[in-house]
Amino acid sequence: GCGILPFVGETLTPGRRQDRWRLAPVRLIGQPAERPMVGYDVPETELRSEQVYRDIAARRRYTVVFLSLATAAALYICYLMVRPFVKPVLFAAVVTIVFYPVHLRIWSRVRQPNLAALASTLFVLLIVIVPLVALGSAVTAEIRQAYQSLSVKSAEGGGWTPYLTEKLQKPITALSRHVDLSGFDLRSSVQSRLEQMSSWSVRLAANVVSNLGIFVFDAAISFFTLFFLFREGRRVRLTMAAVLPLDEARVERLFASISDTIVANLYGVVAVALAQGILMGFAYFLLGVSSPILWGALTAVCSLIPLVGSSLVWLPITVVLAATGHWGKAVVLIAWSGAFIGLADHVLRPYIIGGRVKMNTLFVFFSLLGGIKAFGLLGIFLGPLILSVTVALLGILREEVRISQSGPGADELHNQTNAAPD
């Protein structure tokens, strides 16, 4: 019954002679004292249990401090190693949460973790790759056809510079009636702009080629991570729940907040993409642009890109309309885009996200802008997600403070309330 710990019954202490060590009993806190131990020839004056306990407590504190510092250093080194892959991994985590219900259905039929994870990953890959490849092929064919048509017209006019000069002459003449343009040389201006556009196109092509390898590598990392997150999803969730110093109800609330925010972001992204694609497709149809459905679909896809978004589609179409002499249509398309694209992006998306996750629309709007600025394309998901987690943590902290101020029995009452069925 004696010992320093429940599983340690004795300790070494110096005997009467300095070159000798003997076993001496140590009394635990709360253990009955004065229990003679047979075979131990140690006086009572040599029992220093309180000092031993203080030494052990001090050593444990030093151990905890050392382990905390070592763990922090190891985590920082791990972060440095995985920092280049943070965005692909976060993208895989977002996709996993969105498609995990689909994976559960596949797993219920397959019942093989590796095969189910592989099937779910291939399903996501097909959903992402096949439409993009089909859309890219159609857009490439349309761009080639438009370029050939403009090349034929410019060749009939003596080249690009004379052709564009002729097309721009009428609006410049109309503008010169109200603005003094006597020092403006239209032909030299058009030629310099064409040279700048040519050099810009060369730089853009070089950047696309150089970034293609990085994009393919990041995509491979994302889908590789996606496979393991599908396979180990339950284990990862249980591990995170065990690490968090929260009760089960609060952990579930935190996880539900993360899941609801990501799904709400997905709804917002899809709604904005559909709205912009339909609105701009309708405008293309009214203005007589060829293949309006194709360009509307491409507008919907490009609306996912932060900052520039759908302007990657409607702005070149506007330039082509102006270059072919349809200035009125070009002005109408610019006005239509300014009126409806910004409305769908800055009003519809925050409204949908805020309504689902029960957050103020203004806060969601700024979380979207800040997330895009900090994380790029992933900021569309990470900005509102960080805001939602922060709100959930503040709510849990407020409950914890109220419980601590209410008395010792409030925690048990709170747990019973959360555990009670609705």
Protein backbone atom coordinates (compact mmCIF):
# COMPACT_ATOMS: atom_id res chain seq x y z
CA GLY A 1 0.00 0.00 0.00
CA CYS A 2 3.02 2.31 0.01
CA GLY A 3 4.48 4.09 -2.96
CA ILE A 4 5.01 7.30 -4.86
CA LEU A 5 2.41 6.40 -7.50
CA PRO A 6 -0.40 3.87 -7.46
CA PHE A 7 1.82 1.48 -9.37
CA VAL A 8 5.06 2.28 -7.53
CA GLY A 9 5.42 0.84 -4.08
CA GLU A 10 8.83 1.95 -2.88
CA THR A 11 11.70 4.30 -3.58
CA LEU A 12 15.43 4.45 -2.91
CA THR A 13 16.69 6.65 -0.11
CA PRO A 14 20.15 6.90 1.46
CA GLY A 15 20.73 4.85 4.57
CA ARG A 16 22.82 5.67 7.59
CA ARG A 17 26.02 5.05 5.69
CA GLN A 18 26.71 7.37 2.73
CA ASP A 19 27.82 4.51 0.48
CA ARG A 20 24.68 2.51 1.01
CA TRP A 21 21.14 2.78 -0.38
CA ARG A 22 18.10 1.20 1.14
CA LEU A 23 14.49 0.86 0.17
CA ALA A 24 12.23 3.15 2.20
CA PRO A 25 8.44 3.29 2.14
CA VAL A 26 6.72 6.45 0.91
CA ARG A 27 3.20 7.29 1.98
CA LEU A 28 0.66 8.48 -0.58
CA ILE A 29 -1.68 11.38 0.14
CA GLY A 30 -4.70 10.01 1.92
CA GLN A 31 -2.99 6.69 2.78
CA PRO A 32 -3.01 5.57 6.44
CA ALA A 33 0.30 6.34 8.10
CA GLU A 34 2.36 4.32 10.52
CA ARG A 35 2.13 1.01 8.69
CA PRO A 36 5.23 -0.95 9.61
CA MET A 37 6.93 -2.63 6.68
CA VAL A 38 8.57 -5.92 7.51
CA GLY A 39 12.17 -6.16 6.38
CA TYR A 40 12.78 -2.38 6.16
CA ASP A 41 15.27 -1.12 8.68
CA VAL A 42 14.76 2.64 8.15
CA PRO A 43 13.99 5.11 10.93
CA GLU A 44 10.87 7.22 10.68
CA THR A 45 12.95 10.40 10.59
CA GLU A 46 14.24 9.48 7.10
CA LEU A 47 10.76 9.46 5.52
CA ARG A 48 10.43 12.67 3.52
CA SER A 49 7.32 12.02 1.48
CA GLU A 50 6.28 15.66 1.19
CA GLN A 51 9.65 16.68 -0.22
CA VAL A 52 9.54 13.74 -2.63
CA TYR A 53 6.12 14.80 -3.87
CA ARG A 54 7.28 18.37 -4.36
CA ASP A 55 10.28 17.15 -6.33
CA ILE A 56 8.08 14.93 -8.49
CA ALA A 57 5.60 17.76 -9.13
CA ALA A 58 8.42 20.12 -10.08
CA ARG A 59 9.91 17.55 -12.42
CA ARG A 60 6.53 16.98 -14.03
CA ARG A 61 6.10 20.70 -14.58
CA TYR A 62 9.52 20.89 -16.22
CA THR A 63 8.63 17.84 -18.33
CA VAL A 64 5.36 19.43 -19.48
CA VAL A 65 7.15 22.68 -20.38
CA PHE A 66 9.87 20.81 -22.28
CA LEU A 67 7.37 18.65 -24.15
CA SER A 68 5.25 21.70 -25.02
CA LEU A 69 8.24 23.56 -26.45
CA ALA A 70 9.46 20.49 -28.33
CA THR A 71 5.98 19.85 -29.72
CA ALA A 72 5.60 23.48 -30.83
CA ALA A 73 8.98 23.35 -32.59
CA ALA A 74 8.10 20.04 -34.27
CA LEU A 75 4.72 21.40 -35.42
CA TYR A 76 6.39 24.50 -36.86
CA ILE A 77 8.88 22.36 -38.77
CA CYS A 78 6.01 20.20 -40.05
CA TYR A 79 4.23 23.37 -41.18
CA LEU A 80 7.32 24.47 -43.10
CA MET A 81 7.39 21.10 -44.85
CA VAL A 82 3.71 21.10 -45.83
CA ARG A 83 3.36 24.84 -46.53
CA PRO A 84 3.80 24.43 -50.32
CA PHE A 85 0.91 21.95 -50.30
CA VAL A 86 -1.51 23.81 -48.01
CA LYS A 87 -3.83 25.04 -50.78
CA PRO A 88 -4.15 21.66 -52.56
CA VAL A 89 -4.80 19.93 -49.23
CA LEU A 90 -7.40 22.52 -48.19
CA PHE A 91 -9.08 22.16 -51.58
CA ALA A 92 -9.19 18.39 -51.08
CA ALA A 93 -10.68 18.86 -47.60
CA VAL A 94 -13.42 21.14 -48.98
CA VAL A 95 -14.24 18.67 -51.77
CA THR A 96 -14.30 15.81 -49.26
CA ILE A 97 -16.86 17.56 -47.05
CA VAL A 98 -19.05 18.38 -50.06
CA PHE A 99 -18.98 14.87 -51.57
CA TYR A 100 -18.78 12.81 -48.37
CA PRO A 101 -22.51 11.93 -48.43
CA VAL A 102 -21.95 10.51 -51.93
CA HIS A 103 -18.97 8.54 -50.62
CA LEU A 104 -21.09 7.10 -47.82
CA ARG A 105 -23.58 5.77 -50.36
CA ILE A 106 -20.79 4.24 -52.41
CA TRP A 107 -19.24 2.72 -49.28
CA SER A 108 -22.60 1.20 -48.23
CA ARG A 109 -22.65 -0.71 -51.51
CA VAL A 110 -18.96 -1.60 -51.87
CA ARG A 111 -17.96 -2.22 -48.20
CA GLN A 112 -14.27 -2.06 -49.13
CA PRO A 113 -12.56 1.11 -47.83
CA ASN A 114 -9.90 1.33 -50.54
CA LEU A 115 -12.27 0.49 -53.38
CA ALA A 116 -14.96 2.87 -52.10
CA ALA A 117 -12.44 5.72 -51.72
CA LEU A 118 -11.09 5.07 -55.22
CA ALA A 119 -14.60 5.04 -56.71
CA SER A 120 -15.50 8.29 -54.94
CA THR A 121 -12.29 9.96 -56.12
CA LEU A 122 -12.88 8.87 -59.71
CA PHE A 123 -16.46 10.13 -59.46
CA VAL A 124 -15.26 13.60 -58.41
CA LEU A 125 -12.56 13.52 -61.08
CA LEU A 126 -15.11 12.78 -63.80
CA ILE A 127 -17.44 15.52 -62.57
CA VAL A 128 -14.63 18.07 -62.69
CA ILE A 129 -12.58 16.97 -65.71
CA VAL A 130 -15.16 15.88 -68.28
CA PRO A 131 -17.21 19.13 -68.37
CA LEU A 132 -14.07 21.27 -68.38
CA VAL A 133 -12.53 19.31 -71.25
CA ALA A 134 -15.75 19.47 -73.30
CA LEU A 135 -16.20 23.17 -72.60
CA GLY A 136 -12.56 23.91 -73.37
CA SER A 137 -12.75 22.10 -76.70
CA ALA A 138 -15.90 23.96 -77.73
CA VAL A 139 -14.50 27.34 -76.68
CA THR A 140 -11.25 26.66 -78.54
CA ALA A 141 -13.20 25.89 -81.72
CA GLU A 142 -15.26 29.09 -81.34
CA ILE A 143 -12.17 31.23 -80.74
CA ARG A 144 -10.44 29.72 -83.77
CA GLN A 145 -13.48 30.39 -85.94
CA ALA A 146 -13.80 34.00 -84.72
CA TYR A 147 -10.10 34.63 -85.32
CA GLN A 148 -10.29 33.24 -88.83
CA SER A 149 -13.30 35.42 -89.61
CA LEU A 150 -11.57 38.56 -88.33
CA SER A 151 -8.40 37.64 -90.22
CA VAL A 152 -10.31 37.36 -93.48
CA LYS A 153 -12.01 40.73 -92.94
CA SER A 154 -8.76 42.43 -91.95
CA ALA A 155 -6.99 40.97 -94.98
CA GLU A 156 -9.68 42.40 -97.23
CA GLY A 157 -9.05 45.81 -95.66
CA GLY A 158 -5.29 45.66 -96.07
CA GLY A 159 -4.31 44.26 -92.65
CA TRP A 160 -5.24 44.69 -89.00
CA THR A 161 -4.14 48.31 -88.70
CA PRO A 162 -6.10 49.69 -91.68
CA TYR A 163 -9.10 47.51 -90.81
CA LEU A 164 -9.31 48.69 -87.17
CA THR A 165 -8.56 52.28 -88.21
CA GLU A 166 -11.51 52.22 -90.57
CA LYS A 167 -13.79 50.72 -87.93
CA LEU A 168 -12.73 53.27 -85.31
CA GLN A 169 -12.91 56.27 -87.64
CA LYS A 170 -16.66 56.81 -87.32
CA PRO A 171 -16.86 56.87 -83.49
CA ILE A 172 -13.70 59.01 -83.29
CA THR A 173 -15.22 61.49 -85.76
CA ALA A 174 -18.43 61.64 -83.71
CA LEU A 175 -16.42 62.15 -80.52
CA SER A 176 -14.29 64.90 -82.09
CA ARG A 177 -17.39 67.08 -82.42
CA HIS A 178 -17.47 67.41 -78.63
CA VAL A 179 -13.80 66.89 -77.69
CA ASP A 180 -10.69 68.40 -79.25
CA LEU A 181 -8.83 65.47 -80.87
CA SER A 182 -6.68 67.45 -83.29
CA GLY A 183 -3.46 66.04 -81.78
CA PHE A 184 -4.67 62.44 -81.81
CA ASP A 185 -3.26 60.17 -84.53
CA LEU A 186 -5.66 57.25 -84.87
CA ARG A 187 -3.51 55.09 -87.11
CA SER A 188 -0.36 55.27 -84.94
CA SER A 189 -2.45 54.74 -81.81
CA VAL A 190 -4.05 51.61 -83.26
CA GLN A 191 -0.67 50.28 -84.39
CA SER A 192 0.92 50.82 -80.96
CA ARG A 193 -2.05 49.15 -79.23
CA LEU A 194 -1.79 46.16 -81.55
CA GLU A 195 1.91 45.82 -80.76
CA GLN A 196 1.19 46.00 -77.03
CA MET A 197 -1.56 43.39 -77.38
CA SER A 198 0.78 41.13 -79.32
CA SER A 199 3.49 41.31 -76.66
CA TRP A 200 0.89 40.81 -73.93
CA SER A 201 -0.41 37.70 -75.70
CA VAL A 202 3.11 36.27 -75.89
CA ARG A 203 3.67 36.87 -72.16
CA LEU A 204 0.29 35.36 -71.31
CA ALA A 205 1.06 32.24 -73.33
CA ALA A 206 4.45 31.90 -71.61
CA ASN A 207 2.85 32.25 -68.17
CA VAL A 208 0.20 29.66 -69.02
CA VAL A 209 2.83 27.17 -70.18
CA SER A 210 5.06 27.77 -67.15
CA ASN A 211 2.16 27.44 -64.69
CA LEU A 212 0.71 24.37 -66.39
CA GLY A 213 3.16 22.03 -64.67
CA ILE A 214 2.44 23.60 -61.27
CA PHE A 215 -1.30 23.25 -61.85
CA VAL A 216 -1.00 19.58 -62.81
CA PHE A 217 1.18 18.87 -59.75
CA ASP A 218 -1.25 20.64 -57.39
CA ALA A 219 -4.17 18.77 -58.95
CA ALA A 220 -2.38 15.45 -58.41
CA ILE A 221 -1.73 16.37 -54.76
CA SER A 222 -5.38 17.34 -54.29
CA PHE A 223 -6.80 14.10 -55.70
CA PHE A 224 -4.20 12.00 -53.87
CA THR A 225 -5.22 13.69 -50.60
CA LEU A 226 -8.88 13.32 -51.54
CA PHE A 227 -8.52 9.55 -51.78
CA PHE A 228 -7.06 9.27 -48.26
CA LEU A 229 -9.60 11.69 -46.79
CA PHE A 230 -12.41 9.58 -48.22
CA ARG A 231 -10.82 6.42 -46.87
CA GLU A 232 -9.85 7.77 -43.43
CA GLY A 233 -12.65 10.31 -43.00
CA ARG A 234 -14.22 8.74 -39.93
CA ARG A 235 -10.86 8.17 -38.26
CA VAL A 236 -9.76 11.76 -38.92
CA ARG A 237 -13.00 13.07 -37.45
CA LEU A 238 -12.67 10.90 -34.32
CA THR A 239 -9.02 11.92 -33.88
CA MET A 240 -9.86 15.60 -34.12
CA ALA A 241 -12.74 15.15 -31.67
CA ALA A 242 -10.41 13.39 -29.21
CA VAL A 243 -7.78 16.12 -29.45
CA LEU A 244 -10.22 18.98 -28.85
CA PRO A 245 -10.78 19.66 -25.11
CA LEU A 246 -14.55 19.96 -25.57
CA ASP A 247 -17.50 17.77 -24.72
CA GLU A 248 -19.21 15.73 -27.41
CA ALA A 249 -22.12 18.14 -27.95
CA ARG A 250 -19.82 21.11 -28.53
CA VAL A 251 -17.54 19.16 -30.85
CA GLU A 252 -20.55 18.12 -32.92
CA ARG A 253 -21.76 21.71 -33.02
CA LEU A 254 -18.33 22.89 -34.22
CA PHE A 255 -18.16 20.21 -36.93
CA ALA A 256 -21.73 20.97 -38.00
CA SER A 257 -20.83 24.65 -38.32
CA ILE A 258 -17.89 23.80 -40.59
CA SER A 259 -19.97 21.45 -42.75
CA ASP A 260 -22.93 23.85 -43.04
CA THR A 261 -20.65 26.75 -44.01
CA ILE A 262 -18.90 24.80 -46.76
CA VAL A 263 -22.19 23.49 -48.16
CA ALA A 264 -23.68 27.01 -48.01
CA ASN A 265 -20.64 28.33 -49.90
CA LEU A 266 -21.16 25.65 -52.52
CA TYR A 267 -24.81 26.68 -52.90
CA GLY A 268 -23.74 30.31 -53.18
CA VAL A 269 -21.08 29.55 -55.78
CA VAL A 270 -23.46 27.45 -57.88
CA ALA A 271 -26.25 30.03 -57.61
CA VAL A 272 -23.99 32.91 -58.64
CA ALA A 273 -22.49 30.90 -61.52
CA LEU A 274 -25.94 29.93 -62.82
CA ALA A 275 -27.25 33.49 -62.46
CA GLN A 276 -24.31 35.03 -64.30
CA GLY A 277 -24.32 32.34 -66.99
CA ILE A 278 -28.06 32.69 -67.65
CA LEU A 279 -28.03 36.51 -67.61
CA MET A 280 -25.00 36.84 -69.86
CA GLY A 281 -26.19 34.03 -72.16
CA PHE A 282 -29.47 35.88 -72.59
CA ALA A 283 -27.53 39.07 -73.40
CA TYR A 284 -25.37 37.25 -75.94
CA PHE A 285 -28.52 35.89 -77.58
CA LEU A 286 -30.17 39.32 -77.79
CA LEU A 287 -27.02 40.93 -79.21
CA GLY A 288 -26.62 38.28 -81.90
CA VAL A 289 -23.40 36.72 -80.58
CA SER A 290 -22.77 33.29 -82.09
CA SER A 291 -23.18 30.27 -79.77
CA PRO A 292 -24.75 32.17 -76.84
CA ILE A 293 -25.29 29.00 -74.79
CA LEU A 294 -21.62 28.08 -75.04
CA TRP A 295 -20.45 31.55 -74.04
CA GLY A 296 -23.00 31.63 -71.24
CA ALA A 297 -21.67 28.34 -69.87
CA LEU A 298 -18.11 29.66 -70.09
CA THR A 299 -19.22 32.82 -68.27
CA ALA A 300 -20.65 30.65 -65.48
CA VAL A 301 -17.37 28.73 -65.13
CA CYS A 302 -15.23 31.87 -65.18
CA SER A 303 -17.41 33.47 -62.49
CA LEU A 304 -15.63 31.16 -60.02
CA ILE A 305 -12.34 33.02 -60.58
CA PRO A 306 -11.85 35.77 -57.99
CA LEU A 307 -11.61 39.45 -58.96
CA VAL A 308 -11.72 39.05 -62.77
CA GLY A 309 -14.48 36.42 -62.92
CA SER A 310 -16.85 36.54 -65.86
CA SER A 311 -15.11 39.57 -67.37
CA LEU A 312 -12.70 37.06 -68.91
CA VAL A 313 -15.57 36.21 -71.28
CA TRP A 314 -17.78 39.25 -71.80
CA LEU A 315 -14.91 41.74 -72.10
CA PRO A 316 -13.26 40.01 -75.11
CA ILE A 317 -16.70 39.63 -76.69
CA THR A 318 -17.20 43.37 -76.21
CA VAL A 319 -13.86 44.06 -77.91
CA VAL A 320 -14.81 41.81 -80.84
CA LEU A 321 -18.17 43.58 -81.21
CA ALA A 322 -16.45 46.95 -81.21
CA ALA A 323 -13.77 45.76 -83.66
CA THR A 324 -16.43 44.57 -86.10
CA GLY A 325 -18.19 47.94 -86.00
CA HIS A 326 -21.05 47.05 -83.63
CA TRP A 327 -20.42 49.86 -81.16
CA GLY A 328 -23.98 50.02 -79.91
CA LYS A 329 -23.98 46.33 -79.02
CA ALA A 330 -20.62 46.71 -77.27
CA VAL A 331 -21.96 49.56 -75.10
CA VAL A 332 -25.12 47.59 -74.27
CA LEU A 333 -23.08 44.54 -73.25
CA ILE A 334 -20.86 46.64 -70.97
CA ALA A 335 -23.91 48.26 -69.35
CA TRP A 336 -25.65 44.88 -68.94
CA SER A 337 -22.57 43.34 -67.33
CA GLY A 338 -22.09 46.24 -64.94
CA ALA A 339 -25.73 46.16 -63.87
CA PHE A 340 -26.27 42.43 -63.31
CA ILE A 341 -22.90 40.74 -62.79
CA GLY A 342 -21.96 42.82 -59.75
CA LEU A 343 -25.48 42.40 -58.35
CA ALA A 344 -25.31 38.62 -58.57
CA ASP A 345 -21.78 38.41 -57.17
CA HIS A 346 -21.97 40.91 -54.31
CA VAL A 347 -25.58 40.50 -53.22
CA LEU A 348 -26.81 37.02 -54.12
CA ARG A 349 -23.79 35.06 -52.81
CA PRO A 350 -23.63 36.71 -49.33
CA TYR A 351 -27.42 36.48 -49.03
CA ILE A 352 -27.48 32.72 -49.71
CA ILE A 353 -24.52 31.97 -47.43
CA GLY A 354 -25.76 34.19 -44.61
CA GLY A 355 -29.25 32.74 -44.76
CA ARG A 356 -28.05 29.15 -44.44
CA VAL A 357 -25.41 29.61 -41.72
CA LYS A 358 -27.46 32.27 -39.86
CA MET A 359 -24.87 35.05 -40.14
CA ASN A 360 -25.20 38.70 -41.03
CA THR A 361 -24.99 39.29 -44.78
CA LEU A 362 -22.56 42.19 -44.33
CA PHE A 363 -20.16 40.02 -42.31
CA VAL A 364 -20.36 37.30 -44.96
CA PHE A 365 -19.66 39.87 -47.68
CA PHE A 366 -16.47 41.08 -45.98
CA SER A 367 -15.40 37.52 -45.16
CA LEU A 368 -15.67 36.69 -48.87
CA LEU A 369 -13.59 39.72 -49.88
CA GLY A 370 -10.99 39.10 -47.16
CA GLY A 371 -10.84 35.38 -47.89
CA ILE A 372 -10.28 35.98 -51.61
CA LYS A 373 -7.54 38.51 -50.86
CA ALA A 374 -5.81 36.18 -48.40
CA PHE A 375 -6.27 32.77 -50.05
CA GLY A 376 -7.23 33.42 -53.67
CA LEU A 377 -9.87 31.14 -55.16
CA LEU A 378 -10.07 29.05 -51.97
CA GLY A 379 -10.98 32.21 -50.08
CA ILE A 380 -14.52 31.85 -51.43
CA PHE A 381 -14.81 28.87 -49.05
CA LEU A 382 -12.21 29.66 -46.39
CA GLY A 383 -13.31 33.23 -45.66
CA PRO A 384 -16.89 32.40 -44.54
CA LEU A 385 -15.62 29.15 -42.99
CA ILE A 386 -13.18 31.00 -40.73
CA LEU A 387 -15.92 33.47 -39.79
CA SER A 388 -18.35 30.65 -38.99
CA VAL A 389 -15.82 28.79 -36.84
CA THR A 390 -14.99 32.02 -35.00
CA VAL A 391 -18.67 32.66 -34.27
CA ALA A 392 -19.12 29.06 -33.04
CA LEU A 393 -16.05 29.29 -30.79
CA LEU A 394 -17.27 32.59 -29.33
CA GLY A 395 -20.61 30.95 -28.57
CA ILE A 396 -18.92 28.01 -26.84
CA LEU A 397 -16.69 30.38 -24.88
CA ARG A 398 -19.71 32.42 -23.77
CA GLU A 399 -21.44 29.25 -22.55
CA GLU A 400 -18.31 28.13 -20.70
CA VAL A 401 -17.98 31.49 -18.93
CA ARG A 402 -21.66 31.44 -17.95
CA ILE A 403 -21.35 27.88 -16.62
CA SER A 404 -18.25 28.74 -14.61
CA GLN A 405 -20.06 31.70 -13.05
CA SER A 406 -23.22 29.72 -12.27
CA GLY A 407 -21.69 27.22 -9.88
CA PRO A 408 -20.28 23.68 -9.79
CA GLY A 409 -23.53 21.95 -10.77
CA ALA A 410 -24.17 24.01 -13.89
CA ASP A 411 -21.82 21.97 -16.07
CA GLU A 412 -23.68 18.71 -15.38
CA LEU A 413 -27.01 20.45 -16.01
CA HIS A 414 -25.69 21.86 -19.29
CA ASN A 415 -24.50 18.44 -20.45
CA GLN A 416 -27.84 16.84 -19.55
CA THR A 417 -29.68 19.58 -21.46
CA ASN A 418 -27.57 19.07 -24.57
CA ALA A 419 -27.90 15.31 -24.34
CA ALA A 420 -31.69 15.43 -23.95
CA PRO A 421 -33.70 14.59 -27.07
CA ASP A 422 -35.60 17.37 -28.84
